[in-house]
């Protein structure tokens, strides 16, 4: 169950990190409230998952999902450059997340 919570926390991290783009420096109310709620929910789920998973694994997976997801969203939706190098390094992030899961012992 901790892994499910962690993956959901990571997906929420993607949501709030992308959401910051739409807050325009936290000057827009609705995107700011949704982003803030996403931050809180993501952190709460991360904390819950870290009760049973090693913190280095939990935090690494959480950050990896968030960073890879935000990068993919930026390339797919926001028109950020999708160079071969960027795609390669996003893939490396995902390999690292899978590696942390595989070696966590849980």
N, C-alpha and C. Protein backbone atom coordinates (compact mmCIF):
# COMPACT_ATOMS: atom_id res chain seq x y z
N UNK A 1 0.82 -1.20 0.00
CA UNK A 1 0.00 0.00 0.00
C UNK A 1 0.87 1.26 0.00
N UNK A 2 2.02 1.18 0.65
CA UNK A 2 2.91 2.36 0.70
C UNK A 2 3.36 2.77 -0.70
N UNK A 3 3.57 1.78 -1.57
CA UNK A 3 4.00 2.10 -2.94
C UNK A 3 2.89 2.80 -3.71
N UNK A 4 1.65 2.39 -3.49
CA UNK A 4 0.52 3.05 -4.16
C UNK A 4 0.44 4.50 -3.69
N UNK A 5 0.55 4.71 -2.39
CA UNK A 5 0.53 6.07 -1.85
C UNK A 5 1.66 6.91 -2.42
N UNK A 6 2.82 6.30 -2.56
CA UNK A 6 3.98 7.01 -3.07
C UNK A 6 3.79 7.40 -4.54
N UNK A 7 3.26 6.51 -5.33
CA UNK A 7 3.02 6.83 -6.74
C UNK A 7 1.98 7.95 -6.86
N UNK A 8 0.92 7.88 -6.07
CA UNK A 8 -0.08 8.95 -6.10
C UNK A 8 0.54 10.27 -5.65
N UNK A 9 1.38 10.22 -4.62
CA UNK A 9 2.08 11.42 -4.16
C UNK A 9 2.95 11.99 -5.27
N UNK A 10 3.63 11.13 -6.01
CA UNK A 10 4.46 11.58 -7.13
C UNK A 10 3.64 12.21 -8.23
N UNK A 11 2.49 11.62 -8.53
CA UNK A 11 1.61 12.20 -9.55
C UNK A 11 1.06 13.55 -9.10
N UNK A 12 0.75 13.65 -7.81
CA UNK A 12 0.32 14.95 -7.29
C UNK A 12 1.45 15.98 -7.36
N UNK A 13 2.68 15.51 -7.20
CA UNK A 13 3.81 16.43 -7.34
C UNK A 13 3.89 16.96 -8.76
N UNK A 14 3.65 16.11 -9.72
CA UNK A 14 3.59 16.58 -11.12
C UNK A 14 2.52 17.67 -11.22
N UNK A 15 1.36 17.40 -10.65
CA UNK A 15 0.25 18.36 -10.72
C UNK A 15 0.58 19.70 -10.10
N UNK A 16 1.15 19.68 -8.89
CA UNK A 16 1.40 20.98 -8.27
C UNK A 16 2.59 21.70 -8.89
N UNK A 17 3.57 20.96 -9.36
CA UNK A 17 4.71 21.64 -9.99
C UNK A 17 4.29 22.28 -11.31
N UNK A 18 3.48 21.58 -12.08
CA UNK A 18 2.94 22.17 -13.31
C UNK A 18 1.97 23.30 -12.96
N UNK A 19 1.20 23.10 -11.91
CA UNK A 19 0.24 24.12 -11.48
C UNK A 19 0.89 25.47 -11.17
N UNK A 20 2.12 25.44 -10.69
CA UNK A 20 2.80 26.71 -10.40
C UNK A 20 2.93 27.58 -11.64
N UNK A 21 3.05 26.93 -12.80
CA UNK A 21 3.14 27.67 -14.06
C UNK A 21 1.87 28.51 -14.27
N UNK A 22 0.75 27.97 -13.86
CA UNK A 22 -0.54 28.62 -14.09
C UNK A 22 -0.94 29.61 -12.99
N UNK A 23 -0.21 29.63 -11.88
CA UNK A 23 -0.56 30.57 -10.80
C UNK A 23 -0.10 31.99 -11.10
N UNK A 24 0.82 32.11 -12.07
CA UNK A 24 1.41 33.41 -12.41
C UNK A 24 1.95 34.10 -11.14
N UNK A 25 2.84 33.37 -10.47
CA UNK A 25 3.45 33.91 -9.25
C UNK A 25 2.48 33.97 -8.09
N UNK A 26 1.55 33.05 -8.04
CA UNK A 26 0.51 32.98 -7.01
C UNK A 26 -0.34 34.24 -6.99
N UNK A 27 -0.60 34.80 -8.16
CA UNK A 27 -1.48 35.97 -8.27
C UNK A 27 -2.86 35.58 -8.77
N UNK A 28 -3.04 34.34 -9.23
CA UNK A 28 -4.34 33.86 -9.69
C UNK A 28 -4.90 32.91 -8.63
N UNK A 29 -6.09 33.22 -8.13
CA UNK A 29 -6.65 32.53 -6.96
C UNK A 29 -6.87 31.04 -7.18
N UNK A 30 -7.65 30.66 -8.17
CA UNK A 30 -8.01 29.24 -8.32
C UNK A 30 -6.78 28.36 -8.58
N UNK A 31 -5.92 28.72 -9.53
CA UNK A 31 -4.72 27.88 -9.71
C UNK A 31 -3.84 27.85 -8.46
N UNK A 32 -3.79 28.95 -7.73
CA UNK A 32 -2.97 29.00 -6.51
C UNK A 32 -3.52 28.07 -5.43
N UNK A 33 -4.84 28.09 -5.26
CA UNK A 33 -5.47 27.22 -4.25
C UNK A 33 -5.29 25.75 -4.63
N UNK A 34 -5.51 25.42 -5.91
CA UNK A 34 -5.33 24.03 -6.36
C UNK A 34 -3.88 23.58 -6.22
N UNK A 35 -2.96 24.46 -6.54
CA UNK A 35 -1.54 24.13 -6.40
C UNK A 35 -1.18 23.90 -4.94
N UNK A 36 -1.65 24.78 -4.06
CA UNK A 36 -1.40 24.63 -2.62
C UNK A 36 -1.98 23.33 -2.08
N UNK A 37 -3.20 23.01 -2.51
CA UNK A 37 -3.83 21.76 -2.07
C UNK A 37 -3.04 20.55 -2.57
N UNK A 38 -2.54 20.65 -3.80
CA UNK A 38 -1.73 19.56 -4.35
C UNK A 38 -0.44 19.36 -3.58
N UNK A 39 0.19 20.47 -3.19
CA UNK A 39 1.42 20.40 -2.40
C UNK A 39 1.16 19.69 -1.08
N UNK A 40 0.11 20.11 -0.38
CA UNK A 40 -0.20 19.53 0.93
C UNK A 40 -0.54 18.05 0.79
N UNK A 41 -1.40 17.71 -0.17
CA UNK A 41 -1.79 16.31 -0.35
C UNK A 41 -0.59 15.45 -0.72
N UNK A 42 0.26 15.95 -1.61
CA UNK A 42 1.44 15.21 -2.02
C UNK A 42 2.38 14.95 -0.84
N UNK A 43 2.61 15.97 -0.04
CA UNK A 43 3.49 15.81 1.12
C UNK A 43 2.90 14.85 2.15
N UNK A 44 1.59 14.93 2.37
CA UNK A 44 0.97 14.03 3.34
C UNK A 44 1.10 12.57 2.88
N UNK A 45 0.86 12.33 1.60
CA UNK A 45 1.00 10.96 1.09
C UNK A 45 2.45 10.48 1.13
N UNK A 46 3.38 11.38 0.81
CA UNK A 46 4.81 11.03 0.91
C UNK A 46 5.15 10.66 2.35
N UNK A 47 4.69 11.45 3.30
CA UNK A 47 4.97 11.18 4.71
C UNK A 47 4.38 9.85 5.14
N UNK A 48 3.18 9.56 4.66
CA UNK A 48 2.54 8.28 5.01
C UNK A 48 3.33 7.11 4.43
N UNK A 49 3.76 7.24 3.18
CA UNK A 49 4.53 6.17 2.55
C UNK A 49 5.88 5.98 3.25
N UNK A 50 6.46 7.08 3.71
CA UNK A 50 7.77 7.02 4.36
C UNK A 50 7.71 6.37 5.74
N UNK A 51 6.52 6.12 6.23
CA UNK A 51 6.40 5.41 7.51
C UNK A 51 6.88 3.98 7.38
N UNK A 52 6.75 3.39 6.19
CA UNK A 52 7.17 2.00 6.02
C UNK A 52 8.30 1.83 5.01
N UNK A 53 8.45 2.78 4.10
CA UNK A 53 9.53 2.70 3.11
C UNK A 53 10.75 3.48 3.60
N UNK A 54 11.95 3.10 3.21
CA UNK A 54 13.13 3.89 3.55
C UNK A 54 12.98 5.31 2.97
N UNK A 55 13.33 6.31 3.74
CA UNK A 55 13.12 7.69 3.31
C UNK A 55 13.90 8.02 2.04
N UNK A 56 15.11 7.50 1.91
CA UNK A 56 15.88 7.76 0.70
C UNK A 56 15.19 7.22 -0.54
N UNK A 57 14.60 6.05 -0.42
CA UNK A 57 13.86 5.46 -1.52
C UNK A 57 12.59 6.25 -1.78
N UNK A 58 11.82 6.51 -0.74
CA UNK A 58 10.55 7.21 -0.90
C UNK A 58 10.76 8.60 -1.51
N UNK A 59 11.70 9.34 -0.98
CA UNK A 59 11.93 10.69 -1.48
C UNK A 59 12.47 10.66 -2.91
N UNK A 60 13.38 9.74 -3.18
CA UNK A 60 13.95 9.62 -4.52
C UNK A 60 12.90 9.27 -5.57
N UNK A 61 12.02 8.34 -5.24
CA UNK A 61 10.96 7.96 -6.16
C UNK A 61 10.00 9.13 -6.35
N UNK A 62 9.63 9.79 -5.27
CA UNK A 62 8.71 10.94 -5.32
C UNK A 62 9.26 12.04 -6.22
N UNK A 63 10.51 12.40 -6.00
CA UNK A 63 11.15 13.44 -6.82
C UNK A 63 11.28 12.99 -8.27
N UNK A 64 11.65 11.73 -8.47
CA UNK A 64 11.82 11.23 -9.82
C UNK A 64 10.53 11.26 -10.62
N UNK A 65 9.44 10.81 -10.00
CA UNK A 65 8.14 10.86 -10.68
C UNK A 65 7.77 12.30 -10.99
N UNK A 66 7.97 13.18 -10.02
CA UNK A 66 7.62 14.59 -10.21
C UNK A 66 8.44 15.26 -11.30
N UNK A 67 9.72 15.03 -11.27
CA UNK A 67 10.61 15.67 -12.26
C UNK A 67 10.34 15.13 -13.66
N UNK A 68 10.23 13.82 -13.79
CA UNK A 68 9.98 13.23 -15.10
C UNK A 68 8.61 13.65 -15.62
N UNK A 69 7.61 13.62 -14.77
CA UNK A 69 6.26 14.00 -15.18
C UNK A 69 6.17 15.45 -15.61
N UNK A 70 6.81 16.33 -14.85
CA UNK A 70 6.80 17.76 -15.21
C UNK A 70 7.53 18.00 -16.52
N UNK A 71 8.63 17.30 -16.72
CA UNK A 71 9.39 17.45 -17.96
C UNK A 71 8.59 16.96 -19.16
N UNK A 72 7.94 15.82 -19.02
CA UNK A 72 7.13 15.28 -20.11
C UNK A 72 5.95 16.20 -20.40
N UNK A 73 5.30 16.70 -19.36
CA UNK A 73 4.19 17.64 -19.55
C UNK A 73 4.68 18.89 -20.28
N UNK A 74 5.81 19.41 -19.87
CA UNK A 74 6.36 20.59 -20.52
C UNK A 74 6.63 20.36 -22.00
N UNK A 75 7.17 19.21 -22.33
CA UNK A 75 7.45 18.91 -23.73
C UNK A 75 6.16 18.64 -24.52
N UNK A 76 5.22 17.91 -23.90
CA UNK A 76 4.01 17.50 -24.62
C UNK A 76 2.96 18.60 -24.73
N UNK A 77 2.87 19.44 -23.70
CA UNK A 77 1.76 20.41 -23.65
C UNK A 77 2.23 21.86 -23.77
N UNK A 78 3.35 22.18 -23.16
CA UNK A 78 3.79 23.57 -23.10
C UNK A 78 4.75 23.96 -24.21
N UNK A 79 5.05 23.05 -25.09
CA UNK A 79 5.91 23.37 -26.22
C UNK A 79 7.39 23.51 -25.88
N UNK A 80 7.80 22.92 -24.76
CA UNK A 80 9.22 22.94 -24.43
C UNK A 80 9.97 22.02 -25.38
N UNK A 81 11.25 22.26 -25.63
CA UNK A 81 11.98 21.43 -26.58
C UNK A 81 12.03 19.96 -26.16
N UNK A 82 11.75 19.10 -27.11
CA UNK A 82 11.80 17.65 -26.86
C UNK A 82 12.99 17.08 -27.62
N UNK A 83 14.17 17.48 -27.20
CA UNK A 83 15.38 17.02 -27.86
C UNK A 83 15.68 15.58 -27.45
N UNK A 84 16.51 14.94 -28.22
CA UNK A 84 16.90 13.56 -27.90
C UNK A 84 17.57 13.51 -26.53
N UNK A 85 18.38 14.49 -26.21
CA UNK A 85 19.06 14.51 -24.91
C UNK A 85 18.05 14.62 -23.77
N UNK A 86 17.05 15.49 -23.90
CA UNK A 86 16.05 15.64 -22.83
C UNK A 86 15.27 14.35 -22.64
N UNK A 87 14.85 13.74 -23.74
CA UNK A 87 14.11 12.49 -23.65
C UNK A 87 14.98 11.40 -23.01
N UNK A 88 16.24 11.34 -23.39
CA UNK A 88 17.17 10.37 -22.81
C UNK A 88 17.27 10.55 -21.29
N UNK A 89 17.42 11.78 -20.84
CA UNK A 89 17.58 12.00 -19.40
C UNK A 89 16.29 11.78 -18.62
N UNK A 90 15.14 12.04 -19.23
CA UNK A 90 13.88 11.69 -18.58
C UNK A 90 13.80 10.16 -18.44
N UNK A 91 14.21 9.46 -19.46
CA UNK A 91 14.24 7.99 -19.38
C UNK A 91 15.18 7.52 -18.28
N UNK A 92 16.32 8.20 -18.13
CA UNK A 92 17.23 7.84 -17.03
C UNK A 92 16.57 8.05 -15.67
N UNK A 93 15.80 9.13 -15.54
CA UNK A 93 15.06 9.35 -14.29
C UNK A 93 14.12 8.18 -14.01
N UNK A 94 13.42 7.75 -15.03
CA UNK A 94 12.48 6.65 -14.84
C UNK A 94 13.20 5.34 -14.51
N UNK A 95 14.35 5.12 -15.13
CA UNK A 95 15.16 3.94 -14.79
C UNK A 95 15.60 4.02 -13.33
N UNK A 96 15.98 5.19 -12.87
CA UNK A 96 16.39 5.36 -11.48
C UNK A 96 15.24 5.07 -10.52
N UNK A 97 14.04 5.53 -10.86
CA UNK A 97 12.87 5.27 -10.02
C UNK A 97 12.61 3.77 -9.93
N UNK A 98 12.65 3.08 -11.06
CA UNK A 98 12.44 1.63 -11.07
C UNK A 98 13.57 0.95 -10.28
N UNK A 99 14.79 1.42 -10.44
CA UNK A 99 15.92 0.85 -9.70
C UNK A 99 15.77 1.00 -8.20
N UNK A 100 15.31 2.17 -7.76
CA UNK A 100 15.08 2.37 -6.33
C UNK A 100 13.99 1.43 -5.82
N UNK A 101 12.95 1.25 -6.59
CA UNK A 101 11.89 0.33 -6.19
C UNK A 101 12.42 -1.10 -6.11
N UNK A 102 13.19 -1.48 -7.13
CA UNK A 102 13.69 -2.86 -7.20
C UNK A 102 14.66 -3.18 -6.09
N UNK A 103 15.38 -2.20 -5.61
CA UNK A 103 16.41 -2.45 -4.58
C UNK A 103 15.99 -2.03 -3.18
N UNK A 104 14.74 -1.66 -3.00
CA UNK A 104 14.30 -1.15 -1.70
C UNK A 104 14.11 -2.24 -0.67
N UNK A 105 13.89 -3.47 -1.13
CA UNK A 105 13.66 -4.55 -0.17
C UNK A 105 12.23 -4.59 0.34
N UNK A 106 11.32 -3.84 -0.26
CA UNK A 106 9.90 -3.82 0.15
C UNK A 106 9.05 -4.31 -0.98
